[in-house]
Amino acid sequence: YKYEIFSVKKTEEEEHLNIIFNTTEEYEKHLK
């Protein structure tokens, strides 16, 4: 798999650990 980096972040939050999205809108919001 080949990937391109789209974001770099320094954080104390753990939102990125969420892997369950019930709707396309939830996943879109997550990516945004």
Full PDB file with SEQRES, HELIX, SHEET, SSBOND, CRYST1, ORIGX, SCALE, CONECT and MASTER records, all heavy atoms in Angstrom:
SEQRES   1 A   32  TYR LYS TYR GLU ILE PHE SER VAL LYS LYS THR GLU GLU          
SEQRES   2 A   32  GLU GLU HIS LEU ASN ILE ILE PHE ASN THR THR GLU GLU          
SEQRES   3 A   32  TYR GLU LYS HIS LEU LYS                                      
HELIX    1 AA1 GLU A   15  LEU A   17  5                                   3    
HELIX    2 AA2 THR A   24  LEU A   31  1                                   8    
CRYST1    1.000    1.000    1.000  90.00  90.00  90.00 P 1           1          
ORIGX1      1.000000  0.000000  0.000000        0.00000                         
ORIGX2      0.000000  1.000000  0.000000        0.00000                         
ORIGX3      0.000000  0.000000  1.000000        0.00000                         
SCALE1      1.000000  0.000000  0.000000        0.00000                         
SCALE2      0.000000  1.000000  0.000000        0.00000                         
SCALE3      0.000000  0.000000  1.000000        0.00000                         
ATOM      1  N   TYR A   1       0.846  -1.189   0.000  1.00  0.00           N  
ATOM      2  CA  TYR A   1       0.000   0.000   0.000  1.00  0.00           C  
ATOM      3  C   TYR A   1       0.882   1.240   0.000  1.00  0.00           C  
ATOM      4  O   TYR A   1       1.860   1.312   0.753  1.00  0.00           O  
ATOM      5  CB  TYR A   1      -0.884   0.025   1.247  1.00  0.00           C  
ATOM      6  CG  TYR A   1      -1.827  -1.143   1.372  1.00  0.00           C  
ATOM      7  CD1 TYR A   1      -1.470  -2.262   2.122  1.00  0.00           C  
ATOM      8  CD2 TYR A   1      -3.068  -1.135   0.750  1.00  0.00           C  
ATOM      9  CE1 TYR A   1      -2.335  -3.346   2.239  1.00  0.00           C  
ATOM     10  CE2 TYR A   1      -3.936  -2.213   0.868  1.00  0.00           C  
ATOM     11  CZ  TYR A   1      -3.566  -3.311   1.609  1.00  0.00           C  
ATOM     12  OH  TYR A   1      -4.423  -4.383   1.734  1.00  0.00           O  
ATOM     13  N   LYS A   2       0.518   2.193  -0.835  1.00  0.00           N  
ATOM     14  CA  LYS A   2       1.242   3.456  -0.856  1.00  0.00           C  
ATOM     15  C   LYS A   2       0.332   4.561  -0.322  1.00  0.00           C  
ATOM     16  O   LYS A   2      -0.814   4.693  -0.745  1.00  0.00           O  
ATOM     17  CB  LYS A   2       1.711   3.805  -2.266  1.00  0.00           C  
ATOM     18  CG  LYS A   2       2.598   5.060  -2.303  1.00  0.00           C  
ATOM     19  CD  LYS A   2       3.149   5.329  -3.696  1.00  0.00           C  
ATOM     20  CE  LYS A   2       4.056   6.548  -3.691  1.00  0.00           C  
ATOM     21  NZ  LYS A   2       4.596   6.827  -5.049  1.00  0.00           N  
ATOM     22  N   TYR A   3       0.855   5.349   0.604  1.00  0.00           N  
ATOM     23  CA  TYR A   3       0.095   6.401   1.264  1.00  0.00           C  
ATOM     24  C   TYR A   3       0.771   7.755   1.082  1.00  0.00           C  
ATOM     25  O   TYR A   3       1.979   7.831   0.835  1.00  0.00           O  
ATOM     26  CB  TYR A   3       0.012   6.143   2.774  1.00  0.00           C  
ATOM     27  CG  TYR A   3      -0.759   4.929   3.204  1.00  0.00           C  
ATOM     28  CD1 TYR A   3      -0.162   3.676   3.242  1.00  0.00           C  
ATOM     29  CD2 TYR A   3      -2.076   5.031   3.627  1.00  0.00           C  
ATOM     30  CE1 TYR A   3      -0.857   2.557   3.673  1.00  0.00           C  
ATOM     31  CE2 TYR A   3      -2.787   3.915   4.065  1.00  0.00           C  
ATOM     32  CZ  TYR A   3      -2.167   2.689   4.087  1.00  0.00           C  
ATOM     33  OH  TYR A   3      -2.857   1.590   4.521  1.00  0.00           O  
ATOM     34  N   GLU A   4      -0.041   8.815   1.237  1.00  0.00           N  
ATOM     35  CA  GLU A   4       0.482  10.179   1.260  1.00  0.00           C  
ATOM     36  C   GLU A   4       0.032  10.853   2.548  1.00  0.00           C  
ATOM     37  O   GLU A   4      -1.151  10.825   2.905  1.00  0.00           O  
ATOM     38  CB  GLU A   4      -0.022  10.987   0.059  1.00  0.00           C  
ATOM     39  CG  GLU A   4       0.561  12.404   0.029  1.00  0.00           C  
ATOM     40  CD  GLU A   4       0.175  13.157  -1.230  1.00  0.00           C  
ATOM     41  OE1 GLU A   4      -0.714  12.681  -1.956  1.00  0.00           O  
ATOM     42  OE2 GLU A   4       0.768  14.227  -1.471  1.00  0.00           O  
ATOM     43  N   ILE A   5       0.952  11.467   3.257  1.00  0.00           N  
ATOM     44  CA  ILE A   5       0.640  12.129   4.521  1.00  0.00           C  
ATOM     45  C   ILE A   5      -0.235  13.353   4.256  1.00  0.00           C  
ATOM     46  O   ILE A   5       0.080  14.174   3.408  1.00  0.00           O  
ATOM     47  CB  ILE A   5       1.933  12.542   5.243  1.00  0.00           C  
ATOM     48  CG1 ILE A   5       2.734  11.299   5.644  1.00  0.00           C  
ATOM     49  CG2 ILE A   5       1.616  13.395   6.480  1.00  0.00           C  
ATOM     50  CD1 ILE A   5       4.117  11.601   6.168  1.00  0.00           C  
ATOM     51  N   PHE A   6      -1.350  13.455   5.002  1.00  0.00           N  
ATOM     52  CA  PHE A   6      -2.235  14.611   4.826  1.00  0.00           C  
ATOM     53  C   PHE A   6      -2.357  15.468   6.064  1.00  0.00           C  
ATOM     54  O   PHE A   6      -2.903  16.571   6.011  1.00  0.00           O  
ATOM     55  CB  PHE A   6      -3.639  14.173   4.361  1.00  0.00           C  
ATOM     56  CG  PHE A   6      -4.468  13.449   5.383  1.00  0.00           C  
ATOM     57  CD1 PHE A   6      -5.294  14.148   6.258  1.00  0.00           C  
ATOM     58  CD2 PHE A   6      -4.455  12.062   5.442  1.00  0.00           C  
ATOM     59  CE1 PHE A   6      -6.073  13.478   7.184  1.00  0.00           C  
ATOM     60  CE2 PHE A   6      -5.244  11.388   6.362  1.00  0.00           C  
ATOM     61  CZ  PHE A   6      -6.052  12.093   7.235  1.00  0.00           C  
ATOM     62  N   SER A   7      -1.812  15.017   7.202  1.00  0.00           N  
ATOM     63  CA  SER A   7      -1.920  15.809   8.425  1.00  0.00           C  
ATOM     64  C   SER A   7      -0.885  15.348   9.440  1.00  0.00           C  
ATOM     65  O   SER A   7      -0.572  14.153   9.520  1.00  0.00           O  
ATOM     66  CB  SER A   7      -3.324  15.686   9.019  1.00  0.00           C  
ATOM     67  OG  SER A   7      -3.453  16.424  10.210  1.00  0.00           O  
ATOM     68  N   VAL A   8      -0.358  16.293  10.201  1.00  0.00           N  
ATOM     69  CA  VAL A   8       0.548  16.004  11.312  1.00  0.00           C  
ATOM     70  C   VAL A   8       0.051  16.801  12.511  1.00  0.00           C  
ATOM     71  O   VAL A   8      -0.222  17.995  12.395  1.00  0.00           O  
ATOM     72  CB  VAL A   8       2.008  16.394  10.986  1.00  0.00           C  
ATOM     73  CG1 VAL A   8       2.904  16.167  12.200  1.00  0.00           C  
ATOM     74  CG2 VAL A   8       2.519  15.614   9.788  1.00  0.00           C  
ATOM     75  N   LYS A   9      -0.057  16.137  13.645  1.00  0.00           N  
ATOM     76  CA  LYS A   9      -0.705  16.775  14.790  1.00  0.00           C  
ATOM     77  C   LYS A   9      -0.008  16.395  16.090  1.00  0.00           C  
ATOM     78  O   LYS A   9       0.449  15.262  16.258  1.00  0.00           O  
ATOM     79  CB  LYS A   9      -2.171  16.325  14.841  1.00  0.00           C  
ATOM     80  CG  LYS A   9      -2.989  16.848  16.000  1.00  0.00           C  
ATOM     81  CD  LYS A   9      -4.403  16.271  15.936  1.00  0.00           C  
ATOM     82  CE  LYS A   9      -5.268  16.722  17.089  1.00  0.00           C  
ATOM     83  NZ  LYS A   9      -6.608  16.085  17.042  1.00  0.00           N  
ATOM     84  N   LYS A  10       0.074  17.333  17.016  1.00  0.00           N  
ATOM     85  CA  LYS A  10       0.553  17.082  18.366  1.00  0.00           C  
ATOM     86  C   LYS A  10      -0.631  17.291  19.295  1.00  0.00           C  
ATOM     87  O   LYS A  10      -1.274  18.344  19.264  1.00  0.00           O  
ATOM     88  CB  LYS A  10       1.689  18.037  18.722  1.00  0.00           C  
ATOM     89  CG  LYS A  10       2.394  17.732  20.030  1.00  0.00           C  
ATOM     90  CD  LYS A  10       3.592  18.647  20.206  1.00  0.00           C  
ATOM     91  CE  LYS A  10       4.353  18.299  21.477  1.00  0.00           C  
ATOM     92  NZ  LYS A  10       5.549  19.158  21.655  1.00  0.00           N  
ATOM     93  N   THR A  11      -0.956  16.299  20.112  1.00  0.00           N  
ATOM     94  CA  THR A  11      -2.213  16.375  20.859  1.00  0.00           C  
ATOM     95  C   THR A  11      -2.159  15.573  22.154  1.00  0.00           C  
ATOM     96  O   THR A  11      -1.313  14.688  22.323  1.00  0.00           O  
ATOM     97  CB  THR A  11      -3.368  15.837  19.990  1.00  0.00           C  
ATOM     98  OG1 THR A  11      -4.595  16.026  20.683  1.00  0.00           O  
ATOM     99  CG2 THR A  11      -3.183  14.365  19.691  1.00  0.00           C  
ATOM    100  N   GLU A  12      -3.075  15.903  23.059  1.00  0.00           N  
ATOM    101  CA  GLU A  12      -3.306  15.115  24.269  1.00  0.00           C  
ATOM    102  C   GLU A  12      -4.590  14.303  24.134  1.00  0.00           C  
ATOM    103  O   GLU A  12      -4.900  13.483  24.989  1.00  0.00           O  
ATOM    104  CB  GLU A  12      -3.416  16.034  25.492  1.00  0.00           C  
ATOM    105  CG  GLU A  12      -2.159  16.827  25.785  1.00  0.00           C  
ATOM    106  CD  GLU A  12      -2.322  17.725  26.995  1.00  0.00           C  
ATOM    107  OE1 GLU A  12      -3.302  17.537  27.744  1.00  0.00           O  
ATOM    108  OE2 GLU A  12      -1.476  18.606  27.194  1.00  0.00           O  
ATOM    109  N   GLU A  13      -5.349  14.539  23.072  1.00  0.00           N  
ATOM    110  CA  GLU A  13      -6.639  13.880  22.884  1.00  0.00           C  
ATOM    111  C   GLU A  13      -6.458  12.488  22.271  1.00  0.00           C  
ATOM    112  O   GLU A  13      -5.394  12.149  21.767  1.00  0.00           O  
ATOM    113  CB  GLU A  13      -7.522  14.736  21.973  1.00  0.00           C  
ATOM    114  CG  GLU A  13      -7.786  16.135  22.533  1.00  0.00           C  
ATOM    115  CD  GLU A  13      -8.516  17.024  21.543  1.00  0.00           C  
ATOM    116  OE1 GLU A  13      -8.729  16.575  20.402  1.00  0.00           O  
ATOM    117  OE2 GLU A  13      -8.861  18.150  21.918  1.00  0.00           O  
ATOM    118  N   GLU A  14      -7.526  11.698  22.320  1.00  0.00           N  
ATOM    119  CA  GLU A  14      -7.467  10.339  21.804  1.00  0.00           C  
ATOM    120  C   GLU A  14      -8.586  10.051  20.806  1.00  0.00           C  
ATOM    121  O   GLU A  14      -8.960   8.898  20.581  1.00  0.00           O  
ATOM    122  CB  GLU A  14      -7.525   9.331  22.961  1.00  0.00           C  
ATOM    123  CG  GLU A  14      -6.312   9.437  23.887  1.00  0.00           C  
ATOM    124  CD  GLU A  14      -6.280   8.349  24.939  1.00  0.00           C  
ATOM    125  OE1 GLU A  14      -7.300   7.636  25.081  1.00  0.00           O  
ATOM    126  OE2 GLU A  14      -5.249   8.215  25.607  1.00  0.00           O  
ATOM    127  N   GLU A  15      -9.098  11.107  20.191  1.00  0.00           N  
ATOM    128  CA  GLU A  15     -10.180  10.939  19.217  1.00  0.00           C  
ATOM    129  C   GLU A  15      -9.760  10.028  18.066  1.00  0.00           C  
ATOM    130  O   GLU A  15     -10.571   9.274  17.516  1.00  0.00           O  
ATOM    131  CB  GLU A  15     -10.600  12.300  18.656  1.00  0.00           C  
ATOM    132  CG  GLU A  15     -11.714  12.230  17.640  1.00  0.00           C  
ATOM    133  CD  GLU A  15     -11.525  13.171  16.460  1.00  0.00           C  
ATOM    134  OE1 GLU A  15     -10.580  13.978  16.483  1.00  0.00           O  
ATOM    135  OE2 GLU A  15     -12.316  13.073  15.530  1.00  0.00           O  
ATOM    136  N   HIS A  16      -8.487  10.053  17.715  1.00  0.00           N  
ATOM    137  CA  HIS A  16      -7.982   9.268  16.594  1.00  0.00           C  
ATOM    138  C   HIS A  16      -8.076   7.763  16.846  1.00  0.00           C  
ATOM    139  O   HIS A  16      -7.946   6.972  15.919  1.00  0.00           O  
ATOM    140  CB  HIS A  16      -6.531   9.647  16.318  1.00  0.00           C  
ATOM    141  CG  HIS A  16      -5.615   9.403  17.488  1.00  0.00           C  
ATOM    142  ND1 HIS A  16      -5.570  10.248  18.570  1.00  0.00           N  
ATOM    143  CD2 HIS A  16      -4.734   8.406  17.747  1.00  0.00           C  
ATOM    144  CE1 HIS A  16      -4.694   9.785  19.448  1.00  0.00           C  
ATOM    145  NE2 HIS A  16      -4.180   8.674  18.978  1.00  0.00           N  
ATOM    146  N   LEU A  17      -8.295   7.367  18.104  1.00  0.00           N  
ATOM    147  CA  LEU A  17      -8.394   5.945  18.427  1.00  0.00           C  
ATOM    148  C   LEU A  17      -9.762   5.362  18.077  1.00  0.00           C  
ATOM    149  O   LEU A  17      -9.934   4.147  18.070  1.00  0.00           O  
ATOM    150  CB  LEU A  17      -8.107   5.720  19.912  1.00  0.00           C  
ATOM    151  CG  LEU A  17      -6.695   6.085  20.385  1.00  0.00           C  
ATOM    152  CD1 LEU A  17      -6.568   5.862  21.878  1.00  0.00           C  
ATOM    153  CD2 LEU A  17      -5.645   5.290  19.624  1.00  0.00           C  
ATOM    154  N   ASN A  18     -10.717   6.230  17.784  1.00  0.00           N  
ATOM    155  CA  ASN A  18     -12.050   5.764  17.394  1.00  0.00           C  
ATOM    156  C   ASN A  18     -11.995   5.156  15.997  1.00  0.00           C  
ATOM    157  O   ASN A  18     -11.536   5.782  15.044  1.00  0.00           O  
ATOM    158  CB  ASN A  18     -13.034   6.938  17.413  1.00  0.00           C  
ATOM    159  CG  ASN A  18     -14.437   6.504  17.035  1.00  0.00           C  
ATOM    160  OD1 ASN A  18     -14.808   5.350  17.240  1.00  0.00           O  
ATOM    161  ND2 ASN A  18     -15.207   7.421  16.477  1.00  0.00           N  
ATOM    162  N   ILE A  19     -12.468   3.917  15.883  1.00  0.00           N  
ATOM    163  CA  ILE A  19     -12.442   3.250  14.572  1.00  0.00           C  
ATOM    164  C   ILE A  19     -13.839   2.815  14.127  1.00  0.00           C  
ATOM    165  O   ILE A  19     -13.981   2.191  13.083  1.00  0.00           O  
ATOM    166  CB  ILE A  19     -11.497   2.036  14.577  1.00  0.00           C  
ATOM    167  CG1 ILE A  19     -11.976   0.982  15.589  1.00  0.00           C  
ATOM    168  CG2 ILE A  19     -10.068   2.451  14.865  1.00  0.00           C  
ATOM    169  CD1 ILE A  19     -11.232  -0.336  15.496  1.00  0.00           C  
ATOM    170  N   ILE A  20     -14.851   3.148  14.917  1.00  0.00           N  
ATOM    171  CA  ILE A  20     -16.221   2.755  14.583  1.00  0.00           C  
ATOM    172  C   ILE A  20     -17.028   3.993  14.198  1.00  0.00           C  
ATOM    173  O   ILE A  20     -17.163   4.932  14.985  1.00  0.00           O  
ATOM    174  CB  ILE A  20     -16.896   2.039  15.767  1.00  0.00           C  
ATOM    175  CG1 ILE A  20     -16.119   0.770  16.121  1.00  0.00           C  
ATOM    176  CG2 ILE A  20     -18.353   1.707  15.434  1.00  0.00           C  
ATOM    177  CD1 ILE A  20     -16.634   0.060  17.350  1.00  0.00           C  
ATOM    178  N   PHE A  21     -17.528   3.993  12.982  1.00  0.00           N  
ATOM    179  CA  PHE A  21     -18.323   5.111  12.473  1.00  0.00           C  
ATOM    180  C   PHE A  21     -19.631   4.548  11.924  1.00  0.00           C  
ATOM    181  O   PHE A  21     -19.627   3.703  11.035  1.00  0.00           O  
ATOM    182  CB  PHE A  21     -17.553   5.858  11.388  1.00  0.00           C  
ATOM    183  CG  PHE A  21     -16.190   6.299  11.845  1.00  0.00           C  
ATOM    184  CD1 PHE A  21     -15.057   5.556  11.525  1.00  0.00           C  
ATOM    185  CD2 PHE A  21     -16.034   7.439  12.620  1.00  0.00           C  
ATOM    186  CE1 PHE A  21     -13.802   5.943  11.965  1.00  0.00           C  
ATOM    187  CE2 PHE A  21     -14.792   7.836  13.063  1.00  0.00           C  
ATOM    188  CZ  PHE A  21     -13.666   7.086  12.740  1.00  0.00           C  
ATOM    189  N   ASN A  22     -20.735   5.011  12.483  1.00  0.00           N  
ATOM    190  CA  ASN A  22     -22.039   4.458  12.133  1.00  0.00           C  
ATOM    191  C   ASN A  22     -22.579   4.961  10.801  1.00  0.00           C  
ATOM    192  O   ASN A  22     -23.418   4.312  10.179  1.00  0.00           O  
ATOM    193  CB  ASN A  22     -23.045   4.753  13.252  1.00  0.00           C  
ATOM    194  CG  ASN A  22     -22.664   4.052  14.550  1.00  0.00           C  
ATOM    195  OD1 ASN A  22     -22.254   2.898  14.526  1.00  0.00           O  
ATOM    196  ND2 ASN A  22     -22.775   4.750  15.668  1.00  0.00           N  
ATOM    197  N   THR A  23     -22.100   6.124  10.380  1.00  0.00           N  
ATOM    198  CA  THR A  23     -22.575   6.699   9.118  1.00  0.00           C  
ATOM    199  C   THR A  23     -21.401   7.269   8.338  1.00  0.00           C  
ATOM    200  O   THR A  23     -20.323   7.527   8.895  1.00  0.00           O  
ATOM    201  CB  THR A  23     -23.595   7.825   9.369  1.00  0.00           C  
ATOM    202  OG1 THR A  23     -22.928   8.912  10.039  1.00  0.00           O  
ATOM    203  CG2 THR A  23     -24.772   7.332  10.206  1.00  0.00           C  
ATOM    204  N   THR A  24     -21.620   7.490   7.060  1.00  0.00           N  
ATOM    205  CA  THR A  24     -20.610   8.139   6.227  1.00  0.00           C  
ATOM    206  C   THR A  24     -20.316   9.538   6.743  1.00  0.00           C  
ATOM    207  O   THR A  24     -19.162   9.989   6.719  1.00  0.00           O  
ATOM    208  CB  THR A  24     -21.099   8.216   4.767  1.00  0.00           C  
ATOM    209  OG1 THR A  24     -21.348   6.888   4.287  1.00  0.00           O  
ATOM    210  CG2 THR A  24     -20.064   8.890   3.877  1.00  0.00           C  
ATOM    211  N   GLU A  25     -21.352  10.208   7.232  1.00  0.00           N  
ATOM    212  CA  GLU A  25     -21.184  11.570   7.748  1.00  0.00           C  
ATOM    213  C   GLU A  25     -20.252  11.599   8.947  1.00  0.00           C  
ATOM    214  O   GLU A  25     -19.435  12.517   9.097  1.00  0.00           O  
ATOM    215  CB  GLU A  25     -22.538  12.174   8.117  1.00  0.00           C  
ATOM    216  CG  GLU A  25     -23.433  12.518   6.937  1.00  0.00           C  
ATOM    217  CD  GLU A  25     -24.031  11.282   6.244  1.00  0.00           C  
ATOM    218  OE1 GLU A  25     -24.101  10.206   6.907  1.00  0.00           O  
ATOM    219  OE2 GLU A  25     -24.390  11.390   5.051  1.00  0.00           O  
ATOM    220  N   GLU A  26     -20.354  10.597   9.809  1.00  0.00           N  
ATOM    221  CA  GLU A  26     -19.471  10.528  10.977  1.00  0.00           C  
ATOM    222  C   GLU A  26     -18.012  10.374  10.542  1.00  0.00           C  
ATOM    223  O   GLU A  26     -17.115  11.010  11.099  1.00  0.00           O  
ATOM    224  CB  GLU A  26     -19.870   9.350  11.876  1.00  0.00           C  
ATOM    225  CG  GLU A  26     -21.089   9.598  12.734  1.00  0.00           C  
ATOM    226  CD  GLU A  26     -21.331   8.466  13.712  1.00  0.00           C  
ATOM    227  OE1 GLU A  26     -20.449   7.600  13.874  1.00  0.00           O  
ATOM    228  OE2 GLU A  26     -22.416   8.443  14.315  1.00  0.00           O  
ATOM    229  N   TYR A  27     -17.800   9.508   9.563  1.00  0.00           N  
ATOM    230  CA  TYR A  27     -16.434   9.289   9.072  1.00  0.00           C  
ATOM    231  C   TYR A  27     -15.898  10.540   8.387  1.00  0.00           C  
ATOM    232  O   TYR A  27     -14.732  10.907   8.560  1.00  0.00           O  
ATOM    233  CB  TYR A  27     -16.424   8.101   8.121  1.00  0.00           C  
ATOM    234  CG  TYR A  27     -15.034   7.667   7.683  1.00  0.00           C  
ATOM    235  CD1 TYR A  27     -14.045   7.386   8.614  1.00  0.00           C  
ATOM    236  CD2 TYR A  27     -14.718   7.537   6.328  1.00  0.00           C  
ATOM    237  CE1 TYR A  27     -12.781   6.980   8.222  1.00  0.00           C  
ATOM    238  CE2 TYR A  27     -13.456   7.124   5.919  1.00  0.00           C  
ATOM    239  CZ  TYR A  27     -12.494   6.854   6.869  1.00  0.00           C  
ATOM    240  OH  TYR A  27     -11.235   6.463   6.470  1.00  0.00           O  
ATOM    241  N   GLU A  28     -16.740  11.217   7.621  1.00  0.00           N  
ATOM    242  CA  GLU A  28     -16.337  12.465   6.962  1.00  0.00           C  
ATOM    243  C   GLU A  28     -15.938  13.520   7.996  1.00  0.00           C  
ATOM    244  O   GLU A  28     -14.938  14.231   7.823  1.00  0.00           O  
ATOM    245  CB  GLU A  28     -17.479  12.996   6.096  1.00  0.00           C  
ATOM    246  CG  GLU A  28     -17.693  12.229   4.813  1.00  0.00           C  
ATOM    247  CD  GLU A  28     -18.863  12.753   4.007  1.00  0.00           C  
ATOM    248  OE1 GLU A  28     -19.701  13.503   4.578  1.00  0.00           O  
ATOM    249  OE2 GLU A  28     -18.960  12.419   2.807  1.00  0.00           O  
ATOM    250  N   LYS A  29     -16.723  13.629   9.064  1.00  0.00           N  
ATOM    251  CA  LYS A  29     -16.415  14.583  10.123  1.00  0.00           C  
ATOM    252  C   LYS A  29     -15.086  14.245  10.786  1.00  0.00           C  
ATOM    253  O   LYS A  29     -14.272  15.125  11.091  1.00  0.00           O  
ATOM    254  CB  LYS A  29     -17.536  14.591  11.159  1.00  0.00           C  
ATOM    255  CG  LYS A  29     -17.320  15.597  12.285  1.00  0.00           C  
ATOM    256  CD  LYS A  29     -18.484  15.572  13.269  1.00  0.00           C  
ATOM    257  CE  LYS A  29     -18.242  16.571  14.411  1.00  0.00           C  
ATOM    258  NZ  LYS A  29     -19.360  16.540  15.384  1.00  0.00           N  
ATOM    259  N   HIS A  30     -14.869  12.964  11.002  1.00  0.00           N  
ATOM    260  CA  HIS A  30     -13.614  12.474  11.582  1.00  0.00           C  
ATOM    261  C   HIS A  30     -12.420  12.873  10.709  1.00  0.00           C  
ATOM    262  O   HIS A  30     -11.429  13.430  11.196  1.00  0.00           O  
ATOM    263  CB  HIS A  30     -13.708  10.954  11.719  1.00  0.00           C  
ATOM    264  CG  HIS A  30     -12.453  10.277  12.158  1.00  0.00           C  
ATOM    265  ND1 HIS A  30     -11.893  10.469  13.409  1.00  0.00           N  
ATOM    266  CD2 HIS A  30     -11.660   9.374  11.519  1.00  0.00           C  
ATOM    267  CE1 HIS A  30     -10.809   9.724  13.520  1.00  0.00           C  
ATOM    268  NE2 HIS A  30     -10.645   9.049  12.392  1.00  0.00           N  
ATOM    269  N   LEU A  31     -12.509  12.615   9.416  1.00  0.00           N  
ATOM    270  CA  LEU A  31     -11.425  12.958   8.495  1.00  0.00           C  
ATOM    271  C   LEU A  31     -11.186  14.462   8.453  1.00  0.00           C  
ATOM    272  O   LEU A  31     -10.041  14.927   8.419  1.00  0.00           O  
ATOM    273  CB  LEU A  31     -11.753  12.442   7.090  1.00  0.00           C  
ATOM    274  CG  LEU A  31     -11.840  10.926   6.917  1.00  0.00           C  
ATOM    275  CD1 LEU A  31     -12.246  10.583   5.497  1.00  0.00           C  
ATOM    276  CD2 LEU A  31     -10.521  10.261   7.266  1.00  0.00           C  
ATOM    277  N   LYS A  32     -12.271  15.220   8.459  1.00  0.00           N  
ATOM    278  CA  LYS A  32     -12.164  16.675   8.431  1.00  0.00           C  
ATOM    279  C   LYS A  32     -11.438  17.202   9.661  1.00  0.00           C  
ATOM    280  O   LYS A  32     -10.576  18.085   9.561  1.00  0.00           O  
ATOM    281  CB  LYS A  32     -13.553  17.304   8.333  1.00  0.00           C  
ATOM    282  CG  LYS A  32     -13.538  18.821   8.194  1.00  0.00           C  
ATOM    283  CD  LYS A  32     -14.953  19.369   8.027  1.00  0.00           C  
ATOM    284  CE  LYS A  32     -14.917  20.892   7.885  1.00  0.00           C  
ATOM    285  NZ  LYS A  32     -16.304  21.438   7.721  1.00  0.00           N  
TER     286      LYS A  32                                                      
MASTER        0    0    0    2    0    0    0    6  285    1    0    3          
END                                                                             
